[in-house]
């Protein structure tokens, strides 16, 4: 029984990273429901303006894309995701914006983004940080893609709350703190680790990086 449970857990985890097929769609919708608190919070952190050019990395079924489109009403939103299944789901959810050219959805990997310097005013990613192969290099790449005055928000969980209320932090939390301190020493950026709403039994934090004018 333990072996079967471990196999099932590994199978579900693979779909969290890379949802495919019917089960991938189910996982995507479940993540949308589970991640509603941090999705709303993360989009709020972006402080979107009507004409902003926005990029979301790992958009899933497209809830944050929808929220961004509602705020950047005269701008443009781009999403990139590994999963063709999620691209189809997000396309259905945001078909009007796609038809009017306000939204573009691409398939790709955060480690090989096909964008140029200063191409976006705001960049968002929710629960993908765990899968970044080199977090510092990717953050530096994203900073280069930000226009002066732009902001990057990357949201993820770093702890789990026990039934007695105690919060158990993972090593990821210390890694995020060290990364923020390192990036904040750059000449044209400020960085901080913001604390957000809990979601189920997990906390949420966000690396918030602002690029100076």
C-alpha atoms as a PDB file:
ATOM      1  CA  UNK A   1       0.000   0.000   0.000  1.00  0.00           C
ATOM      2  CA  UNK A   2       2.845   2.375   0.817  1.00  0.00           C
ATOM      3  CA  UNK A   3       4.445   1.702  -2.579  1.00  0.00           C
ATOM      4  CA  UNK A   4       1.175   2.422  -4.384  1.00  0.00           C
ATOM      5  CA  UNK A   5       0.699   5.637  -2.432  1.00  0.00           C
ATOM      6  CA  UNK A   6       4.231   6.747  -3.284  1.00  0.00           C
ATOM      7  CA  UNK A   7       3.686   6.014  -6.966  1.00  0.00           C
ATOM      8  CA  UNK A   8       0.412   7.908  -6.976  1.00  0.00           C
ATOM      9  CA  UNK A   9       2.014  10.879  -5.229  1.00  0.00           C
ATOM     10  CA  UNK A  10       4.857  10.931  -7.770  1.00  0.00           C
ATOM     11  CA  UNK A  11       2.338  10.762 -10.628  1.00  0.00           C
ATOM     12  CA  UNK A  12       0.357  13.696  -9.249  1.00  0.00           C
ATOM     13  CA  UNK A  13       3.546  15.703  -8.659  1.00  0.00           C
ATOM     14  CA  UNK A  14       4.550  15.241 -12.309  1.00  0.00           C
ATOM     15  CA  UNK A  15       1.219  16.692 -13.351  1.00  0.00           C
ATOM     16  CA  UNK A  16       1.685  19.669 -11.027  1.00  0.00           C
ATOM     17  CA  UNK A  17       4.843  20.520 -12.930  1.00  0.00           C
ATOM     18  CA  UNK A  18       3.664  19.497 -16.364  1.00  0.00           C
ATOM     19  CA  UNK A  19      -0.098  18.821 -16.658  1.00  0.00           C
ATOM     20  CA  UNK A  20      -1.057  16.689 -19.658  1.00  0.00           C
ATOM     21  CA  UNK A  21      -4.221  15.077 -20.987  1.00  0.00           C
ATOM     22  CA  UNK A  22      -7.517  14.690 -19.160  1.00  0.00           C
ATOM     23  CA  UNK A  23      -5.895  14.218 -15.756  1.00  0.00           C
ATOM     24  CA  UNK A  24      -3.746  17.279 -16.379  1.00  0.00           C
ATOM     25  CA  UNK A  25      -6.881  19.362 -16.979  1.00  0.00           C
ATOM     26  CA  UNK A  26      -8.342  18.081 -13.717  1.00  0.00           C
ATOM     27  CA  UNK A  27      -5.134  18.959 -11.861  1.00  0.00           C
ATOM     28  CA  UNK A  28      -5.082  22.399 -13.476  1.00  0.00           C
ATOM     29  CA  UNK A  29      -8.627  23.197 -12.346  1.00  0.00           C
ATOM     30  CA  UNK A  30      -7.867  21.907  -8.859  1.00  0.00           C
ATOM     31  CA  UNK A  31      -4.802  24.145  -8.657  1.00  0.00           C
ATOM     32  CA  UNK A  32      -6.913  27.108  -9.793  1.00  0.00           C
ATOM     33  CA  UNK A  33      -9.305  26.551  -6.887  1.00  0.00           C
ATOM     34  CA  UNK A  34      -6.586  25.828  -4.343  1.00  0.00           C
ATOM     35  CA  UNK A  35      -4.431  28.798  -5.328  1.00  0.00           C
ATOM     36  CA  UNK A  36      -7.134  31.474  -5.460  1.00  0.00           C
ATOM     37  CA  UNK A  37      -5.898  33.378  -2.355  1.00  0.00           C
ATOM     38  CA  UNK A  38      -2.308  33.709  -3.541  1.00  0.00           C
ATOM     39  CA  UNK A  39      -3.356  34.368  -7.133  1.00  0.00           C
ATOM     40  CA  UNK A  40      -5.428  37.394  -6.134  1.00  0.00           C
ATOM     41  CA  UNK A  41      -2.673  38.574  -3.798  1.00  0.00           C
ATOM     42  CA  UNK A  42       0.095  38.141  -6.381  1.00  0.00           C
ATOM     43  CA  UNK A  43      -1.724  40.046  -9.109  1.00  0.00           C
ATOM     44  CA  UNK A  44      -2.374  42.805  -6.571  1.00  0.00           C
ATOM     45  CA  UNK A  45       1.344  42.991  -5.784  1.00  0.00           C
ATOM     46  CA  UNK A  46       2.067  43.771  -9.434  1.00  0.00           C
ATOM     47  CA  UNK A  47       0.259  47.124  -9.115  1.00  0.00           C
ATOM     48  CA  UNK A  48      -0.834  46.837 -12.727  1.00  0.00           C
ATOM     49  CA  UNK A  49      -1.429  49.957 -14.785  1.00  0.00           C
ATOM     50  CA  UNK A  50      -3.814  50.192 -17.771  1.00  0.00           C
ATOM     51  CA  UNK A  51      -1.063  50.246 -20.416  1.00  0.00           C
ATOM     52  CA  UNK A  52       1.275  47.665 -18.851  1.00  0.00           C
ATOM     53  CA  UNK A  53       2.943  44.937 -20.868  1.00  0.00           C
ATOM     54  CA  UNK A  54       2.601  41.833 -18.695  1.00  0.00           C
ATOM     55  CA  UNK A  55       4.236  38.410 -18.782  1.00  0.00           C
ATOM     56  CA  UNK A  56       3.061  35.410 -16.753  1.00  0.00           C
ATOM     57  CA  UNK A  57       5.314  32.353 -16.557  1.00  0.00           C
ATOM     58  CA  UNK A  58       3.515  29.054 -15.915  1.00  0.00           C
ATOM     59  CA  UNK A  59      -0.056  30.353 -16.206  1.00  0.00           C
ATOM     60  CA  UNK A  60      -1.922  27.046 -15.760  1.00  0.00           C
ATOM     61  CA  UNK A  61      -5.600  27.332 -16.640  1.00  0.00           C
ATOM     62  CA  UNK A  62      -5.296  31.112 -16.875  1.00  0.00           C
ATOM     63  CA  UNK A  63      -6.928  32.676 -13.807  1.00  0.00           C
ATOM     64  CA  UNK A  64      -4.118  35.213 -13.224  1.00  0.00           C
ATOM     65  CA  UNK A  65      -4.130  36.017 -16.941  1.00  0.00           C
ATOM     66  CA  UNK A  66      -7.805  36.937 -16.637  1.00  0.00           C
ATOM     67  CA  UNK A  67      -7.158  39.168 -13.625  1.00  0.00           C
ATOM     68  CA  UNK A  68      -4.245  40.853 -15.401  1.00  0.00           C
ATOM     69  CA  UNK A  69      -6.317  41.483 -18.517  1.00  0.00           C
ATOM     70  CA  UNK A  70      -8.989  43.157 -16.397  1.00  0.00           C
ATOM     71  CA  UNK A  71      -6.406  45.636 -15.095  1.00  0.00           C
ATOM     72  CA  UNK A  72      -4.093  46.181 -18.090  1.00  0.00           C
ATOM     73  CA  UNK A  73      -7.057  47.087 -20.254  1.00  0.00           C
ATOM     74  CA  UNK A  74      -5.037  49.088 -22.789  1.00  0.00           C
ATOM     75  CA  UNK A  75      -1.879  47.001 -22.500  1.00  0.00           C
ATOM     76  CA  UNK A  76      -0.893  43.518 -23.558  1.00  0.00           C
ATOM     77  CA  UNK A  77      -0.579  40.241 -21.654  1.00  0.00           C
ATOM     78  CA  UNK A  78       1.696  37.368 -22.655  1.00  0.00           C
ATOM     79  CA  UNK A  79       1.692  33.937 -21.075  1.00  0.00           C
ATOM     80  CA  UNK A  80       4.212  31.129 -21.448  1.00  0.00           C
ATOM     81  CA  UNK A  81       3.764  27.585 -20.167  1.00  0.00           C
ATOM     82  CA  UNK A  82       5.370  24.186 -20.704  1.00  0.00           C
ATOM     83  CA  UNK A  83       2.045  22.402 -21.073  1.00  0.00           C
ATOM     84  CA  UNK A  84      -0.005  22.354 -24.270  1.00  0.00           C
ATOM     85  CA  UNK A  85      -2.908  21.135 -22.118  1.00  0.00           C
ATOM     86  CA  UNK A  86      -2.753  24.306 -20.014  1.00  0.00           C
ATOM     87  CA  UNK A  87      -2.452  26.496 -23.103  1.00  0.00           C
ATOM     88  CA  UNK A  88      -5.704  25.032 -24.404  1.00  0.00           C
ATOM     89  CA  UNK A  89      -7.417  25.507 -21.033  1.00  0.00           C
ATOM     90  CA  UNK A  90      -6.233  29.112 -20.676  1.00  0.00           C
ATOM     91  CA  UNK A  91      -7.211  29.839 -24.290  1.00  0.00           C
ATOM     92  CA  UNK A  92     -10.780  28.744 -23.590  1.00  0.00           C
ATOM     93  CA  UNK A  93     -10.926  30.843 -20.443  1.00  0.00           C
ATOM     94  CA  UNK A  94      -9.593  33.956 -22.207  1.00  0.00           C
ATOM     95  CA  UNK A  95     -10.790  33.462 -25.780  1.00  0.00           C
ATOM     96  CA  UNK A  96     -12.103  37.026 -26.200  1.00  0.00           C
ATOM     97  CA  UNK A  97      -8.740  38.587 -25.280  1.00  0.00           C
ATOM     98  CA  UNK A  98      -6.979  36.209 -27.676  1.00  0.00           C
ATOM     99  CA  UNK A  99      -9.374  37.111 -30.478  1.00  0.00           C
ATOM    100  CA  UNK A 100      -8.815  40.848 -29.917  1.00  0.00           C
ATOM    101  CA  UNK A 101      -5.030  40.534 -29.817  1.00  0.00           C
ATOM    102  CA  UNK A 102      -4.728  41.613 -26.168  1.00  0.00           C
ATOM    103  CA  UNK A 103      -3.369  38.206 -25.105  1.00  0.00           C
ATOM    104  CA  UNK A 104      -0.688  35.911 -26.547  1.00  0.00           C
ATOM    105  CA  UNK A 105      -0.050  32.392 -25.229  1.00  0.00           C
ATOM    106  CA  UNK A 106       3.212  30.611 -25.966  1.00  0.00           C
ATOM    107  CA  UNK A 107       4.681  27.235 -25.130  1.00  0.00           C
ATOM    108  CA  UNK A 108       8.128  27.369 -23.586  1.00  0.00           C
ATOM    109  CA  UNK A 109      10.456  26.875 -20.641  1.00  0.00           C
ATOM    110  CA  UNK A 110      11.469  29.465 -18.038  1.00  0.00           C
ATOM    111  CA  UNK A 111      15.106  28.480 -18.594  1.00  0.00           C
ATOM    112  CA  UNK A 112      14.898  29.418 -22.297  1.00  0.00           C
ATOM    113  CA  UNK A 113      12.565  32.374 -22.602  1.00  0.00           C
ATOM    114  CA  UNK A 114      12.246  33.857 -26.114  1.00  0.00           C
ATOM    115  CA  UNK A 115      11.976  37.493 -25.041  1.00  0.00           C
ATOM    116  CA  UNK A 116      14.193  40.544 -25.343  1.00  0.00           C
ATOM    117  CA  UNK A 117      15.475  43.083 -22.848  1.00  0.00           C
ATOM    118  CA  UNK A 118      13.006  45.606 -21.400  1.00  0.00           C
ATOM    119  CA  UNK A 119      10.094  43.894 -23.163  1.00  0.00           C
ATOM    120  CA  UNK A 120       7.726  43.877 -20.154  1.00  0.00           C
ATOM    121  CA  UNK A 121       6.555  46.241 -17.436  1.00  0.00           C
ATOM    122  CA  UNK A 122       5.393  43.490 -15.081  1.00  0.00           C
ATOM    123  CA  UNK A 123       6.339  39.813 -14.781  1.00  0.00           C
ATOM    124  CA  UNK A 124       4.420  37.269 -12.690  1.00  0.00           C
ATOM    125  CA  UNK A 125       4.930  33.634 -11.779  1.00  0.00           C
ATOM    126  CA  UNK A 126       2.962  31.619  -9.221  1.00  0.00           C
ATOM    127  CA  UNK A 127       4.183  28.282  -7.848  1.00  0.00           C
ATOM    128  CA  UNK A 128       6.851  27.683 -10.481  1.00  0.00           C
ATOM    129  CA  UNK A 129       9.881  28.774  -8.448  1.00  0.00           C
ATOM    130  CA  UNK A 130      10.385  25.201  -7.180  1.00  0.00           C
ATOM    131  CA  UNK A 131      11.143  24.044 -10.718  1.00  0.00           C
ATOM    132  CA  UNK A 132      13.620  26.754 -11.748  1.00  0.00           C
ATOM    133  CA  UNK A 133      16.965  25.019 -12.407  1.00  0.00           C
ATOM    134  CA  UNK A 134      19.065  28.070 -11.453  1.00  0.00           C
ATOM    135  CA  UNK A 135      17.007  30.584  -9.502  1.00  0.00           C
ATOM    136  CA  UNK A 136      19.588  33.366  -9.493  1.00  0.00           C
ATOM    137  CA  UNK A 137      20.314  33.122 -13.230  1.00  0.00           C
ATOM    138  CA  UNK A 138      16.614  33.080 -14.058  1.00  0.00           C
ATOM    139  CA  UNK A 139      15.924  36.077 -11.820  1.00  0.00           C
ATOM    140  CA  UNK A 140      18.710  37.998 -13.552  1.00  0.00           C
ATOM    141  CA  UNK A 141      17.251  37.051 -16.933  1.00  0.00           C
ATOM    142  CA  UNK A 142      13.809  38.273 -15.858  1.00  0.00           C
ATOM    143  CA  UNK A 143      15.241  41.523 -14.492  1.00  0.00           C
ATOM    144  CA  UNK A 144      16.828  42.169 -17.889  1.00  0.00           C
ATOM    145  CA  UNK A 145      13.415  41.644 -19.500  1.00  0.00           C
ATOM    146  CA  UNK A 146      11.849  44.312 -17.264  1.00  0.00           C
ATOM    147  CA  UNK A 147      11.559  47.869 -18.483  1.00  0.00           C
ATOM    148  CA  UNK A 148      12.834  50.591 -16.105  1.00  0.00           C
ATOM    149  CA  UNK A 149      10.271  51.000 -13.340  1.00  0.00           C
ATOM    150  CA  UNK A 150       9.067  47.416 -13.843  1.00  0.00           C
ATOM    151  CA  UNK A 151       8.264  44.798 -11.227  1.00  0.00           C
ATOM    152  CA  UNK A 152       8.717  41.028 -10.928  1.00  0.00           C
ATOM    153  CA  UNK A 153       6.587  38.927  -8.550  1.00  0.00           C
ATOM    154  CA  UNK A 154       7.332  35.233  -8.017  1.00  0.00           C
ATOM    155  CA  UNK A 155       5.035  33.554  -5.483  1.00  0.00           C
ATOM    156  CA  UNK A 156       5.537  30.173  -3.826  1.00  0.00           C
ATOM    157  CA  UNK A 157       5.160  28.309  -0.525  1.00  0.00           C
ATOM    158  CA  UNK A 158       8.033  27.819   1.909  1.00  0.00           C
ATOM    159  CA  UNK A 159       6.362  26.247   4.939  1.00  0.00           C
ATOM    160  CA  UNK A 160       3.582  23.961   6.108  1.00  0.00           C
ATOM    161  CA  UNK A 161       1.383  24.510   9.160  1.00  0.00           C
ATOM    162  CA  UNK A 162       0.848  21.575  11.507  1.00  0.00           C
ATOM    163  CA  UNK A 163      -2.457  20.833  13.258  1.00  0.00           C
ATOM    164  CA  UNK A 164      -1.154  22.468  16.442  1.00  0.00           C
ATOM    165  CA  UNK A 165      -0.521  25.697  14.545  1.00  0.00           C
ATOM    166  CA  UNK A 166       3.239  25.342  14.390  1.00  0.00           C
ATOM    167  CA  UNK A 167       4.762  26.346  11.068  1.00  0.00           C
ATOM    168  CA  UNK A 168       7.549  24.150   9.718  1.00  0.00           C
ATOM    169  CA  UNK A 169       9.763  25.969   7.227  1.00  0.00           C
ATOM    170  CA  UNK A 170      11.568  24.182   4.416  1.00  0.00           C
ATOM    171  CA  UNK A 171      15.120  24.965   3.348  1.00  0.00           C
ATOM    172  CA  UNK A 172      13.549  26.801   0.396  1.00  0.00           C
ATOM    173  CA  UNK A 173      12.699  29.660   2.740  1.00  0.00           C
ATOM    174  CA  UNK A 174      16.327  30.296   3.643  1.00  0.00           C
ATOM    175  CA  UNK A 175      17.268  29.967  -0.012  1.00  0.00           C
ATOM    176  CA  UNK A 176      14.704  32.622  -0.977  1.00  0.00           C
ATOM    177  CA  UNK A 177      15.920  34.981   1.752  1.00  0.00           C
ATOM    178  CA  UNK A 178      19.522  34.609   0.614  1.00  0.00           C
ATOM    179  CA  UNK A 179      18.536  35.109  -3.018  1.00  0.00           C
ATOM    180  CA  UNK A 180      16.654  38.318  -2.218  1.00  0.00           C
ATOM    181  CA  UNK A 181      19.617  39.661  -0.269  1.00  0.00           C
ATOM    182  CA  UNK A 182      21.975  38.821  -3.124  1.00  0.00           C
ATOM    183  CA  UNK A 183      19.805  40.340  -5.849  1.00  0.00           C
ATOM    184  CA  UNK A 184      19.122  43.448  -3.763  1.00  0.00           C
ATOM    185  CA  UNK A 185      22.804  44.337  -3.910  1.00  0.00           C
ATOM    186  CA  UNK A 186      22.466  45.091  -7.642  1.00  0.00           C
ATOM    187  CA  UNK A 187      22.817  48.699  -8.728  1.00  0.00           C
ATOM    188  CA  UNK A 188      19.483  48.990 -10.517  1.00  0.00           C
ATOM    189  CA  UNK A 189      17.124  46.812  -8.449  1.00  0.00           C
ATOM    190  CA  UNK A 190      15.522  46.484  -5.051  1.00  0.00           C
ATOM    191  CA  UNK A 191      14.309  43.105  -3.773  1.00  0.00           C
ATOM    192  CA  UNK A 192      12.256  41.879  -0.841  1.00  0.00           C
ATOM    193  CA  UNK A 193      10.488  38.761   0.379  1.00  0.00           C
ATOM    194  CA  UNK A 194       6.814  39.560   0.984  1.00  0.00           C
ATOM    195  CA  UNK A 195       4.513  37.430   3.153  1.00  0.00           C
ATOM    196  CA  UNK A 196       1.094  36.640   1.729  1.00  0.00           C
ATOM    197  CA  UNK A 197      -2.053  34.740   2.668  1.00  0.00           C
ATOM    198  CA  UNK A 198      -1.996  31.119   3.739  1.00  0.00           C
ATOM    199  CA  UNK A 199      -3.564  28.674   1.305  1.00  0.00           C
ATOM    200  CA  UNK A 200      -4.851  25.458   2.852  1.00  0.00           C
ATOM    201  CA  UNK A 201      -2.050  24.322   5.215  1.00  0.00           C
ATOM    202  CA  UNK A 202       0.707  26.179   3.373  1.00  0.00           C
ATOM    203  CA  UNK A 203       2.113  29.690   3.660  1.00  0.00           C
ATOM    204  CA  UNK A 204       2.784  31.921   0.691  1.00  0.00           C
ATOM    205  CA  UNK A 205       5.667  34.306   0.094  1.00  0.00           C
ATOM    206  CA  UNK A 206       6.697  36.307  -2.937  1.00  0.00           C
ATOM    207  CA  UNK A 207      10.015  37.528  -4.191  1.00  0.00           C
ATOM    208  CA  UNK A 208       9.272  41.097  -5.281  1.00  0.00           C
ATOM    209  CA  UNK A 209      11.899  42.780  -7.431  1.00  0.00           C
ATOM    210  CA  UNK A 210      11.616  46.371  -8.611  1.00  0.00           C
ATOM    211  CA  UNK A 211      13.799  47.751 -11.378  1.00  0.00           C
ATOM    212  CA  UNK A 212      14.705  51.390 -10.940  1.00  0.00           C
ATOM    213  CA  UNK A 213      14.030  54.051 -13.540  1.00  0.00           C
END
